[in-house]
Amino acid sequence: MTIDPTAPAATSGRVRGQRRRWTSGDLSLIAVFAALTAAFSVLPGIPLGPGVPITLQTLAVMLTGIILGPTRGAAAVGLFLAAGLAGLPVFSGFRGGLGVLAGPSAGYLLAFLPAAFLVGLLARLVLRRTRRARFPLLFAAAMVTSFLVIHPLGISSLMLNAKLDFPAALAADMAFWPGDVLKNLLAAAVGVSVLTAFPRLAPKPR
C-alpha cells in the first residue's frame, strides 16, 4: 500500500509519537524544493559592498520550511547545499564548490539548513494550533528565524572572511533587513496559499 506523501504524519492506526517513514512522495517533494531553492539562487542578485548579493535564496529557504516542515524542509535545503558544495553551480552567481566557504557569504549559506528546520518547526506549531491569523504568525516565524539564525551567522562570516569588525559587519548585514521583511511577507503569503490549496501538506490540528 502506498502512503500519500501529503497525508498527516499521524494516523489512527499508528502509535502516537511514532515517526512516519519518508515515502517516495516525500523524497520527490524534497527534490522539488531543493531544485526550487537552486533556481531562486541562480537568479541575478543585487551586489553589495562586502561581496554578499541580495538574492531570493532566503525566500526559497523560508518557503521550503513553511510548506515541508522541519525535517523535510531541512533535507531539501541540505540537498541544495550538498549539491553546491560538491561543485554544481547552484549558488548565487552560478558558483559552486568548497571555495564558497572562504567567501563573505559563507555564513549565510550555512545558516540555510538550520533556518529551514527552525522556520519549519515554528510553522508546524502555528498550523497545528490555529486556523486564524496564519499569515501574520507565519511571517513572525520567518522573521524570528531570520534574526536568530541567518543574520548572526552571516555577520560572523563577514567578520571572519571579509575581515570586518563587528560594527562594520552589522552595518553591512543591516542592508539585507528591508529585503528580508519583504521576502518573509511573501513566503508567509505563498505558504498560506499553498497550504490552503493543498491542505494535506499541513499538519493535523491538535
N, C-alpha and C. Protein backbone atom coordinates (compact mmCIF):
# COMPACT_ATOMS: atom_id res chain seq x y z
N MET A 1 0.84 -1.20 0.00
CA MET A 1 0.00 0.00 0.00
C MET A 1 0.88 1.24 0.00
N THR A 2 0.58 2.19 -0.87
CA THR A 2 1.35 3.43 -0.96
C THR A 2 0.74 4.50 -0.07
N ILE A 3 1.57 5.17 0.70
CA ILE A 3 1.10 6.22 1.60
C ILE A 3 1.16 7.54 0.88
N ASP A 4 0.10 8.32 0.96
CA ASP A 4 0.06 9.65 0.35
C ASP A 4 1.11 10.53 1.02
N PRO A 5 2.06 11.10 0.25
CA PRO A 5 3.13 11.89 0.87
C PRO A 5 2.64 13.16 1.51
N THR A 6 1.43 13.62 1.12
CA THR A 6 0.90 14.84 1.71
C THR A 6 0.00 14.57 2.90
N ALA A 7 -0.19 13.28 3.25
CA ALA A 7 -1.05 12.96 4.38
C ALA A 7 -0.39 13.34 5.68
N PRO A 8 -1.20 13.66 6.74
CA PRO A 8 -0.63 13.98 8.05
C PRO A 8 0.21 12.83 8.57
N ALA A 9 1.20 13.19 9.37
CA ALA A 9 2.14 12.18 9.86
C ALA A 9 1.48 11.17 10.78
N ALA A 10 0.45 11.57 11.53
CA ALA A 10 -0.20 10.67 12.47
C ALA A 10 -1.48 10.13 11.86
N THR A 11 -1.74 8.83 12.01
CA THR A 11 -2.97 8.22 11.58
C THR A 11 -3.54 7.43 12.73
N SER A 12 -4.81 7.02 12.58
CA SER A 12 -5.48 6.36 13.70
C SER A 12 -4.83 5.04 14.05
N GLY A 13 -4.19 4.38 13.08
CA GLY A 13 -3.59 3.09 13.35
C GLY A 13 -2.14 3.15 13.77
N ARG A 14 -1.62 4.34 14.00
CA ARG A 14 -0.22 4.48 14.34
C ARG A 14 -0.08 4.97 15.77
N VAL A 15 0.86 4.43 16.49
CA VAL A 15 1.07 4.83 17.88
C VAL A 15 1.49 6.28 17.93
N ARG A 16 0.89 7.06 18.84
CA ARG A 16 1.24 8.46 18.96
C ARG A 16 2.73 8.62 19.24
N GLY A 17 3.35 9.57 18.52
CA GLY A 17 4.76 9.83 18.72
C GLY A 17 5.67 9.01 17.82
N GLN A 18 5.12 7.96 17.14
CA GLN A 18 5.95 7.16 16.25
C GLN A 18 6.24 7.95 14.99
N ARG A 19 7.46 7.96 14.54
CA ARG A 19 7.87 8.73 13.37
C ARG A 19 7.42 8.04 12.09
N ARG A 20 6.82 8.82 11.18
CA ARG A 20 6.42 8.29 9.89
C ARG A 20 7.63 8.21 8.98
N ARG A 21 7.77 7.09 8.30
CA ARG A 21 8.88 6.93 7.37
C ARG A 21 8.59 7.73 6.11
N TRP A 22 9.66 8.27 5.54
CA TRP A 22 9.51 9.00 4.29
C TRP A 22 9.17 8.05 3.15
N THR A 23 8.26 8.48 2.29
CA THR A 23 7.87 7.71 1.12
C THR A 23 8.56 8.29 -0.10
N SER A 24 8.32 7.67 -1.25
CA SER A 24 8.85 8.22 -2.49
C SER A 24 8.27 9.60 -2.76
N GLY A 25 7.04 9.83 -2.30
CA GLY A 25 6.44 11.15 -2.45
C GLY A 25 7.17 12.20 -1.63
N ASP A 26 7.57 11.86 -0.42
CA ASP A 26 8.36 12.77 0.42
C ASP A 26 9.68 13.12 -0.26
N LEU A 27 10.33 12.09 -0.79
CA LEU A 27 11.61 12.32 -1.45
C LEU A 27 11.44 13.20 -2.69
N SER A 28 10.31 13.03 -3.37
CA SER A 28 10.05 13.87 -4.54
C SER A 28 9.87 15.32 -4.13
N LEU A 29 9.14 15.55 -3.04
CA LEU A 29 8.96 16.92 -2.55
C LEU A 29 10.29 17.54 -2.14
N ILE A 30 11.12 16.75 -1.48
CA ILE A 30 12.45 17.24 -1.08
C ILE A 30 13.25 17.64 -2.31
N ALA A 31 13.24 16.81 -3.33
CA ALA A 31 13.99 17.11 -4.55
C ALA A 31 13.44 18.34 -5.26
N VAL A 32 12.10 18.47 -5.29
CA VAL A 32 11.48 19.62 -5.96
C VAL A 32 11.86 20.92 -5.25
N PHE A 33 11.82 20.93 -3.93
CA PHE A 33 12.13 22.16 -3.21
C PHE A 33 13.63 22.45 -3.20
N ALA A 34 14.45 21.42 -3.28
CA ALA A 34 15.89 21.67 -3.45
C ALA A 34 16.14 22.34 -4.79
N ALA A 35 15.45 21.87 -5.83
CA ALA A 35 15.58 22.48 -7.15
C ALA A 35 15.03 23.90 -7.15
N LEU A 36 13.94 24.12 -6.43
CA LEU A 36 13.37 25.47 -6.33
C LEU A 36 14.36 26.42 -5.67
N THR A 37 15.00 25.97 -4.61
CA THR A 37 15.99 26.80 -3.93
C THR A 37 17.15 27.12 -4.86
N ALA A 38 17.58 26.13 -5.63
CA ALA A 38 18.66 26.36 -6.59
C ALA A 38 18.24 27.36 -7.65
N ALA A 39 17.00 27.24 -8.14
CA ALA A 39 16.52 28.17 -9.16
C ALA A 39 16.47 29.59 -8.63
N PHE A 40 16.01 29.76 -7.40
CA PHE A 40 15.95 31.09 -6.80
C PHE A 40 17.35 31.64 -6.56
N SER A 41 18.30 30.74 -6.32
CA SER A 41 19.66 31.17 -6.01
C SER A 41 20.40 31.70 -7.23
N VAL A 42 20.17 31.09 -8.38
CA VAL A 42 20.93 31.48 -9.56
C VAL A 42 20.33 32.68 -10.28
N LEU A 43 19.15 33.13 -9.84
CA LEU A 43 18.61 34.36 -10.41
C LEU A 43 19.55 35.51 -10.07
N PRO A 44 19.70 36.47 -10.95
CA PRO A 44 20.65 37.57 -10.70
C PRO A 44 20.37 38.28 -9.39
N GLY A 45 21.42 38.51 -8.60
CA GLY A 45 21.29 39.22 -7.33
C GLY A 45 21.74 40.66 -7.46
N ILE A 46 21.50 41.41 -6.40
CA ILE A 46 21.92 42.80 -6.34
C ILE A 46 23.20 42.86 -5.51
N PRO A 47 24.35 43.18 -6.11
CA PRO A 47 25.61 43.14 -5.36
C PRO A 47 25.69 44.25 -4.32
N LEU A 48 26.32 43.89 -3.18
CA LEU A 48 26.56 44.87 -2.11
C LEU A 48 28.07 44.99 -1.89
N GLY A 49 28.44 45.97 -1.08
CA GLY A 49 29.84 46.26 -0.84
C GLY A 49 30.67 45.09 -0.36
N PRO A 50 30.25 44.35 0.69
CA PRO A 50 31.09 43.27 1.23
C PRO A 50 31.17 42.04 0.33
N GLY A 51 30.48 42.05 -0.80
CA GLY A 51 30.53 40.90 -1.69
C GLY A 51 29.44 39.89 -1.47
N VAL A 52 28.40 40.24 -0.72
CA VAL A 52 27.26 39.35 -0.48
C VAL A 52 26.06 39.96 -1.19
N PRO A 53 25.59 39.36 -2.28
CA PRO A 53 24.49 39.97 -3.02
C PRO A 53 23.13 39.72 -2.36
N ILE A 54 22.18 40.59 -2.67
CA ILE A 54 20.80 40.37 -2.26
C ILE A 54 20.17 39.43 -3.29
N THR A 55 19.71 38.27 -2.84
CA THR A 55 19.13 37.28 -3.73
C THR A 55 17.80 36.79 -3.16
N LEU A 56 17.17 35.86 -3.89
CA LEU A 56 15.91 35.27 -3.45
C LEU A 56 16.13 33.95 -2.71
N GLN A 57 17.37 33.64 -2.36
CA GLN A 57 17.66 32.37 -1.69
C GLN A 57 16.90 32.23 -0.38
N THR A 58 16.90 33.29 0.43
CA THR A 58 16.23 33.18 1.73
C THR A 58 14.73 33.01 1.58
N LEU A 59 14.14 33.59 0.52
CA LEU A 59 12.72 33.38 0.26
C LEU A 59 12.46 31.89 0.04
N ALA A 60 13.29 31.24 -0.77
CA ALA A 60 13.12 29.81 -1.03
C ALA A 60 13.30 28.98 0.24
N VAL A 61 14.27 29.35 1.07
CA VAL A 61 14.52 28.61 2.31
C VAL A 61 13.32 28.71 3.24
N MET A 62 12.80 29.92 3.43
CA MET A 62 11.64 30.09 4.31
C MET A 62 10.42 29.37 3.77
N LEU A 63 10.20 29.48 2.47
CA LEU A 63 9.05 28.83 1.86
C LEU A 63 9.16 27.31 1.98
N THR A 64 10.35 26.79 1.81
CA THR A 64 10.57 25.35 1.94
C THR A 64 10.25 24.87 3.35
N GLY A 65 10.74 25.58 4.36
CA GLY A 65 10.46 25.18 5.73
C GLY A 65 8.99 25.29 6.08
N ILE A 66 8.34 26.36 5.65
CA ILE A 66 6.92 26.57 5.97
C ILE A 66 6.06 25.46 5.37
N ILE A 67 6.34 25.09 4.13
CA ILE A 67 5.48 24.12 3.44
C ILE A 67 5.83 22.68 3.81
N LEU A 68 7.11 22.36 3.88
CA LEU A 68 7.51 20.96 4.11
C LEU A 68 7.68 20.61 5.57
N GLY A 69 7.80 21.60 6.45
CA GLY A 69 8.04 21.30 7.85
C GLY A 69 9.53 21.19 8.16
N PRO A 70 9.88 20.91 9.41
CA PRO A 70 11.30 20.99 9.81
C PRO A 70 12.20 19.94 9.19
N THR A 71 11.79 18.67 9.17
CA THR A 71 12.71 17.62 8.72
C THR A 71 12.82 17.57 7.20
N ARG A 72 11.70 17.56 6.52
CA ARG A 72 11.77 17.53 5.06
C ARG A 72 12.31 18.86 4.53
N GLY A 73 11.96 19.97 5.18
CA GLY A 73 12.49 21.26 4.75
C GLY A 73 14.00 21.32 4.88
N ALA A 74 14.50 20.87 6.04
CA ALA A 74 15.95 20.85 6.23
C ALA A 74 16.62 19.89 5.25
N ALA A 75 15.96 18.77 4.95
CA ALA A 75 16.54 17.82 4.00
C ALA A 75 16.63 18.44 2.60
N ALA A 76 15.61 19.19 2.21
CA ALA A 76 15.62 19.83 0.89
C ALA A 76 16.73 20.87 0.79
N VAL A 77 16.86 21.69 1.81
CA VAL A 77 17.90 22.71 1.81
C VAL A 77 19.28 22.05 1.93
N GLY A 78 19.36 20.98 2.72
CA GLY A 78 20.62 20.25 2.83
C GLY A 78 21.04 19.65 1.50
N LEU A 79 20.08 19.15 0.72
CA LEU A 79 20.39 18.61 -0.60
C LEU A 79 20.91 19.71 -1.52
N PHE A 80 20.28 20.88 -1.45
CA PHE A 80 20.74 22.03 -2.24
C PHE A 80 22.18 22.41 -1.86
N LEU A 81 22.46 22.48 -0.57
CA LEU A 81 23.81 22.84 -0.12
C LEU A 81 24.83 21.78 -0.51
N ALA A 82 24.45 20.52 -0.37
CA ALA A 82 25.37 19.44 -0.72
C ALA A 82 25.72 19.49 -2.21
N ALA A 83 24.72 19.76 -3.04
CA ALA A 83 24.97 19.85 -4.48
C ALA A 83 25.92 21.00 -4.79
N GLY A 84 25.69 22.15 -4.13
CA GLY A 84 26.55 23.30 -4.37
C GLY A 84 27.97 23.09 -3.89
N LEU A 85 28.12 22.55 -2.69
CA LEU A 85 29.45 22.33 -2.15
C LEU A 85 30.19 21.23 -2.91
N ALA A 86 29.44 20.34 -3.55
CA ALA A 86 30.07 19.30 -4.37
C ALA A 86 30.58 19.84 -5.70
N GLY A 87 30.20 21.07 -6.01
CA GLY A 87 30.73 21.69 -7.23
C GLY A 87 29.70 22.11 -8.25
N LEU A 88 28.43 21.74 -8.06
CA LEU A 88 27.42 22.17 -9.02
C LEU A 88 27.19 23.67 -8.87
N PRO A 89 27.02 24.40 -9.96
CA PRO A 89 26.90 25.86 -9.89
C PRO A 89 25.49 26.31 -9.52
N VAL A 90 25.07 26.00 -8.30
CA VAL A 90 23.70 26.30 -7.88
C VAL A 90 23.63 27.47 -6.90
N PHE A 91 24.78 28.00 -6.50
CA PHE A 91 24.77 29.15 -5.61
C PHE A 91 24.68 30.44 -6.41
N SER A 92 24.49 31.54 -5.72
CA SER A 92 24.36 32.83 -6.39
C SER A 92 25.56 33.09 -7.30
N GLY A 93 25.28 33.61 -8.49
CA GLY A 93 26.34 33.88 -9.44
C GLY A 93 26.87 32.63 -10.11
N PHE A 94 26.07 31.55 -10.11
CA PHE A 94 26.47 30.27 -10.71
C PHE A 94 27.77 29.75 -10.11
N ARG A 95 27.91 29.92 -8.79
CA ARG A 95 29.10 29.42 -8.12
C ARG A 95 28.82 28.07 -7.50
N GLY A 96 29.87 27.34 -7.21
CA GLY A 96 29.77 26.07 -6.54
C GLY A 96 31.14 25.65 -6.04
N GLY A 97 31.18 24.61 -5.22
CA GLY A 97 32.45 24.12 -4.71
C GLY A 97 32.72 24.60 -3.30
N LEU A 98 33.69 23.98 -2.66
CA LEU A 98 34.03 24.29 -1.28
C LEU A 98 34.64 25.68 -1.13
N GLY A 99 35.08 26.28 -2.23
CA GLY A 99 35.68 27.60 -2.16
C GLY A 99 34.73 28.67 -1.65
N VAL A 100 33.41 28.44 -1.78
CA VAL A 100 32.46 29.45 -1.30
C VAL A 100 32.54 29.61 0.21
N LEU A 101 33.05 28.59 0.91
CA LEU A 101 33.14 28.66 2.37
C LEU A 101 34.21 29.66 2.82
N ALA A 102 35.06 30.08 1.91
CA ALA A 102 36.05 31.10 2.23
C ALA A 102 35.57 32.50 1.88
N GLY A 103 34.38 32.61 1.32
CA GLY A 103 33.85 33.90 0.91
C GLY A 103 33.02 34.55 1.99
N PRO A 104 32.67 35.82 1.82
CA PRO A 104 31.90 36.54 2.84
C PRO A 104 30.48 36.04 3.01
N SER A 105 29.95 35.31 2.02
CA SER A 105 28.58 34.83 2.12
C SER A 105 28.48 33.45 2.76
N ALA A 106 29.60 32.88 3.21
CA ALA A 106 29.60 31.51 3.74
C ALA A 106 28.63 31.33 4.90
N GLY A 107 28.62 32.28 5.82
CA GLY A 107 27.75 32.15 6.98
C GLY A 107 26.28 32.15 6.61
N TYR A 108 25.91 32.96 5.63
CA TYR A 108 24.52 32.98 5.18
C TYR A 108 24.13 31.63 4.58
N LEU A 109 25.02 31.07 3.75
CA LEU A 109 24.73 29.78 3.15
C LEU A 109 24.60 28.68 4.20
N LEU A 110 25.54 28.62 5.14
CA LEU A 110 25.50 27.58 6.16
C LEU A 110 24.31 27.74 7.10
N ALA A 111 23.77 28.96 7.18
CA ALA A 111 22.61 29.20 8.03
C ALA A 111 21.32 28.66 7.42
N PHE A 112 21.34 28.37 6.12
CA PHE A 112 20.10 27.98 5.47
C PHE A 112 19.53 26.68 6.03
N LEU A 113 20.38 25.70 6.34
CA LEU A 113 19.86 24.42 6.82
C LEU A 113 19.18 24.56 8.18
N PRO A 114 19.85 25.12 9.21
CA PRO A 114 19.14 25.29 10.49
C PRO A 114 17.97 26.26 10.37
N ALA A 115 18.04 27.23 9.45
CA ALA A 115 16.91 28.15 9.27
C ALA A 115 15.69 27.42 8.74
N ALA A 116 15.89 26.52 7.77
CA ALA A 116 14.76 25.76 7.23
C ALA A 116 14.14 24.89 8.33
N PHE A 117 14.99 24.31 9.18
CA PHE A 117 14.47 23.47 10.27
C PHE A 117 13.67 24.31 11.26
N LEU A 118 14.24 25.47 11.67
CA LEU A 118 13.58 26.28 12.69
C LEU A 118 12.27 26.87 12.18
N VAL A 119 12.28 27.45 10.99
CA VAL A 119 11.04 28.03 10.49
C VAL A 119 10.00 26.94 10.25
N GLY A 120 10.44 25.75 9.84
CA GLY A 120 9.50 24.64 9.68
C GLY A 120 8.89 24.22 11.00
N LEU A 121 9.72 24.19 12.04
CA LEU A 121 9.23 23.82 13.36
C LEU A 121 8.22 24.85 13.88
N LEU A 122 8.57 26.13 13.75
CA LEU A 122 7.65 27.18 14.19
C LEU A 122 6.38 27.19 13.37
N ALA A 123 6.50 26.95 12.07
CA ALA A 123 5.32 26.91 11.21
C ALA A 123 4.40 25.77 11.60
N ARG A 124 4.97 24.62 11.93
CA ARG A 124 4.14 23.49 12.36
C ARG A 124 3.40 23.80 13.65
N LEU A 125 4.05 24.51 14.57
CA LEU A 125 3.37 24.91 15.81
C LEU A 125 2.19 25.81 15.50
N VAL A 126 2.38 26.74 14.57
CA VAL A 126 1.29 27.65 14.18
C VAL A 126 0.16 26.89 13.52
N LEU A 127 0.51 26.04 12.56
CA LEU A 127 -0.51 25.36 11.75
C LEU A 127 -1.30 24.34 12.57
N ARG A 128 -0.68 23.76 13.58
CA ARG A 128 -1.38 22.77 14.40
C ARG A 128 -2.35 23.41 15.39
N ARG A 129 -2.10 24.67 15.74
CA ARG A 129 -2.84 25.29 16.83
C ARG A 129 -3.87 26.33 16.41
N THR A 130 -3.82 26.76 15.17
CA THR A 130 -4.79 27.78 14.78
C THR A 130 -5.06 27.73 13.29
N ARG A 131 -6.26 28.07 12.92
CA ARG A 131 -6.62 28.27 11.52
C ARG A 131 -6.81 29.74 11.21
N ARG A 132 -6.71 30.57 12.23
CA ARG A 132 -6.85 32.00 12.05
C ARG A 132 -5.48 32.67 12.20
N ALA A 133 -5.38 33.81 11.60
CA ALA A 133 -4.16 34.62 11.74
C ALA A 133 -2.90 33.85 11.34
N ARG A 134 -3.03 32.93 10.40
CA ARG A 134 -1.87 32.16 9.99
C ARG A 134 -0.83 33.02 9.28
N PHE A 135 -1.30 33.95 8.47
CA PHE A 135 -0.36 34.78 7.74
C PHE A 135 0.56 35.57 8.66
N PRO A 136 0.04 36.36 9.62
CA PRO A 136 0.97 37.11 10.47
C PRO A 136 1.84 36.22 11.34
N LEU A 137 1.31 35.07 11.76
CA LEU A 137 2.10 34.19 12.61
C LEU A 137 3.22 33.50 11.82
N LEU A 138 2.94 33.12 10.58
CA LEU A 138 3.99 32.54 9.75
C LEU A 138 5.04 33.59 9.38
N PHE A 139 4.59 34.80 9.16
CA PHE A 139 5.53 35.90 8.92
C PHE A 139 6.42 36.09 10.14
N ALA A 140 5.81 36.07 11.33
CA ALA A 140 6.59 36.22 12.57
C ALA A 140 7.59 35.07 12.71
N ALA A 141 7.17 33.85 12.36
CA ALA A 141 8.08 32.70 12.43
C ALA A 141 9.28 32.90 11.52
N ALA A 142 9.04 33.41 10.32
CA ALA A 142 10.14 33.65 9.38
C ALA A 142 11.06 34.76 9.88
N MET A 143 10.50 35.81 10.46
CA MET A 143 11.33 36.90 10.97
C MET A 143 12.17 36.44 12.15
N VAL A 144 11.58 35.67 13.05
CA VAL A 144 12.34 35.14 14.19
C VAL A 144 13.50 34.30 13.69
N THR A 145 13.24 33.46 12.69
CA THR A 145 14.30 32.62 12.13
C THR A 145 15.40 33.47 11.50
N SER A 146 15.00 34.50 10.78
CA SER A 146 15.99 35.37 10.14
C SER A 146 16.96 35.96 11.15
N PHE A 147 16.41 36.46 12.26
CA PHE A 147 17.25 37.19 13.21
C PHE A 147 17.88 36.31 14.28
N LEU A 148 17.42 35.08 14.40
CA LEU A 148 18.07 34.16 15.34
C LEU A 148 19.13 33.30 14.66
N VAL A 149 18.99 33.07 13.36
CA VAL A 149 19.87 32.13 12.68
C VAL A 149 20.65 32.78 11.55
N ILE A 150 19.95 33.30 10.55
CA ILE A 150 20.61 33.73 9.32
C ILE A 150 21.51 34.94 9.53
N HIS A 151 21.00 35.98 10.18
CA HIS A 151 21.80 37.19 10.33
C HIS A 151 22.99 37.00 11.28
N PRO A 152 22.84 36.33 12.43
CA PRO A 152 24.03 36.12 13.27
C PRO A 152 25.14 35.35 12.56
N LEU A 153 24.79 34.28 11.83
CA LEU A 153 25.82 33.53 11.12
C LEU A 153 26.39 34.33 9.96
N GLY A 154 25.55 35.13 9.33
CA GLY A 154 26.04 35.99 8.27
C GLY A 154 27.03 37.02 8.76
N ILE A 155 26.70 37.64 9.88
CA ILE A 155 27.61 38.63 10.47
C ILE A 155 28.93 37.97 10.85
N SER A 156 28.86 36.75 11.37
CA SER A 156 30.08 36.04 11.75
C SER A 156 30.99 35.81 10.56
N SER A 157 30.40 35.43 9.41
CA SER A 157 31.24 35.18 8.23
C SER A 157 31.79 36.47 7.65
N LEU A 158 31.05 37.56 7.79
CA LEU A 158 31.58 38.85 7.34
C LEU A 158 32.79 39.25 8.19
N MET A 159 32.71 38.96 9.47
CA MET A 159 33.83 39.27 10.35
C MET A 159 35.03 38.36 10.07
N LEU A 160 34.75 37.08 9.82
CA LEU A 160 35.84 36.11 9.64
C LEU A 160 36.46 36.18 8.24
N ASN A 161 35.62 36.17 7.22
CA ASN A 161 36.13 36.07 5.85
C ASN A 161 36.33 37.41 5.16
N ALA A 162 35.52 38.41 5.54
CA ALA A 162 35.70 39.73 4.94
C ALA A 162 36.55 40.64 5.81
N LYS A 163 36.96 40.13 6.97
CA LYS A 163 37.84 40.87 7.89
C LYS A 163 37.23 42.20 8.35
N LEU A 164 35.91 42.19 8.58
CA LEU A 164 35.24 43.38 9.09
C LEU A 164 35.14 43.29 10.60
N ASP A 165 35.21 44.44 11.28
CA ASP A 165 34.93 44.41 12.71
C ASP A 165 33.42 44.34 12.90
N PHE A 166 32.99 44.13 14.16
CA PHE A 166 31.56 43.88 14.38
C PHE A 166 30.68 45.04 13.94
N PRO A 167 30.98 46.31 14.26
CA PRO A 167 30.11 47.39 13.78
C PRO A 167 29.99 47.44 12.26
N ALA A 168 31.11 47.22 11.56
CA ALA A 168 31.07 47.24 10.09
C ALA A 168 30.28 46.05 9.55
N ALA A 169 30.46 44.87 10.17
CA ALA A 169 29.73 43.68 9.71
C ALA A 169 28.23 43.85 9.97
N LEU A 170 27.89 44.41 11.12
CA LEU A 170 26.48 44.64 11.44
C LEU A 170 25.87 45.63 10.45
N ALA A 171 26.60 46.69 10.16
CA ALA A 171 26.09 47.69 9.21
C ALA A 171 25.89 47.07 7.83
N ALA A 172 26.84 46.21 7.42
CA ALA A 172 26.69 45.54 6.13
C ALA A 172 25.49 44.60 6.13
N ASP A 173 25.30 43.89 7.22
CA ASP A 173 24.18 42.96 7.32
C ASP A 173 22.84 43.70 7.33
N MET A 174 22.79 44.87 7.92
CA MET A 174 21.54 45.62 8.00
C MET A 174 21.00 46.00 6.64
N ALA A 175 21.86 46.00 5.63
CA ALA A 175 21.38 46.29 4.27
C ALA A 175 20.40 45.23 3.78
N PHE A 176 20.46 44.03 4.38
CA PHE A 176 19.56 42.95 3.98
C PHE A 176 18.21 43.00 4.69
N TRP A 177 18.10 43.75 5.76
CA TRP A 177 16.89 43.70 6.58
C TRP A 177 15.62 44.09 5.84
N PRO A 178 15.58 45.21 5.11
CA PRO A 178 14.33 45.55 4.40
C PRO A 178 13.92 44.47 3.40
N GLY A 179 14.90 43.94 2.67
CA GLY A 179 14.59 42.88 1.72
C GLY A 179 14.08 41.62 2.40
N ASP A 180 14.64 41.31 3.57
CA ASP A 180 14.18 40.12 4.29
C ASP A 180 12.74 40.28 4.77
N VAL A 181 12.38 41.47 5.18
CA VAL A 181 11.00 41.71 5.58
C VAL A 181 10.06 41.42 4.41
N LEU A 182 10.39 41.94 3.24
CA LEU A 182 9.55 41.72 2.06
C LEU A 182 9.52 40.25 1.67
N LYS A 183 10.67 39.59 1.70
CA LYS A 183 10.72 38.17 1.32
C LYS A 183 9.97 37.31 2.33
N ASN A 184 10.04 37.65 3.60
CA ASN A 184 9.32 36.87 4.60
C ASN A 184 7.81 37.08 4.51
N LEU A 185 7.40 38.30 4.16
CA LEU A 185 5.98 38.55 3.89
C LEU A 185 5.50 37.69 2.73
N LEU A 186 6.30 37.64 1.67
CA LEU A 186 5.93 36.84 0.51
C LEU A 186 5.93 35.35 0.83
N ALA A 187 6.92 34.90 1.60
CA ALA A 187 6.97 33.48 1.98
C ALA A 187 5.73 33.09 2.79
N ALA A 188 5.32 33.95 3.72
CA ALA A 188 4.14 33.66 4.52
C ALA A 188 2.89 33.64 3.65
N ALA A 189 2.77 34.59 2.73
CA ALA A 189 1.59 34.67 1.87
C ALA A 189 1.51 33.45 0.95
N VAL A 190 2.62 33.10 0.32
CA VAL A 190 2.63 31.94 -0.58
C VAL A 190 2.41 30.66 0.22
N GLY A 191 3.03 30.59 1.40
CA GLY A 191 2.85 29.41 2.23
C GLY A 191 1.40 29.18 2.61
N VAL A 192 0.71 30.24 3.02
CA VAL A 192 -0.71 30.12 3.36
C VAL A 192 -1.52 29.69 2.15
N SER A 193 -1.21 30.26 0.99
CA SER A 193 -1.95 29.91 -0.23
C SER A 193 -1.75 28.45 -0.61
N VAL A 194 -0.50 27.99 -0.55
CA VAL A 194 -0.22 26.60 -0.92
C VAL A 194 -0.88 25.63 0.07
N LEU A 195 -0.78 25.93 1.35
CA LEU A 195 -1.35 25.02 2.35
C LEU A 195 -2.87 25.05 2.34
N THR A 196 -3.45 26.15 1.89
CA THR A 196 -4.90 26.21 1.73
C THR A 196 -5.34 25.41 0.52
N ALA A 197 -4.57 25.52 -0.56
CA ALA A 197 -4.90 24.77 -1.77
C ALA A 197 -4.64 23.28 -1.62
N PHE A 198 -3.62 22.92 -0.84
CA PHE A 198 -3.26 21.51 -0.62
C PHE A 198 -3.23 21.24 0.89
N PRO A 199 -4.40 21.14 1.52
CA PRO A 199 -4.45 21.03 2.99
C PRO A 199 -3.76 19.80 3.55
N ARG A 200 -3.58 18.76 2.75
CA ARG A 200 -2.90 17.57 3.27
C ARG A 200 -1.42 17.81 3.51
N LEU A 201 -0.87 18.89 2.95
CA LEU A 201 0.52 19.25 3.26
C LEU A 201 0.66 19.81 4.67
N ALA A 202 -0.44 20.35 5.20
CA ALA A 202 -0.41 20.94 6.54
C ALA A 202 -0.53 19.85 7.60
N PRO A 203 0.07 20.07 8.77
CA PRO A 203 -0.05 19.07 9.85
C PRO A 203 -1.49 19.03 10.39
N LYS A 204 -1.82 17.92 10.98
CA LYS A 204 -3.16 17.75 11.53
C LYS A 204 -3.33 18.62 12.76
N PRO A 205 -4.40 19.45 12.85
CA PRO A 205 -4.61 20.31 14.02
C PRO A 205 -4.75 19.49 15.30
N ARG A 206 -4.30 20.11 16.41
CA ARG A 206 -4.43 19.44 17.71
C ARG A 206 -5.57 20.04 18.50
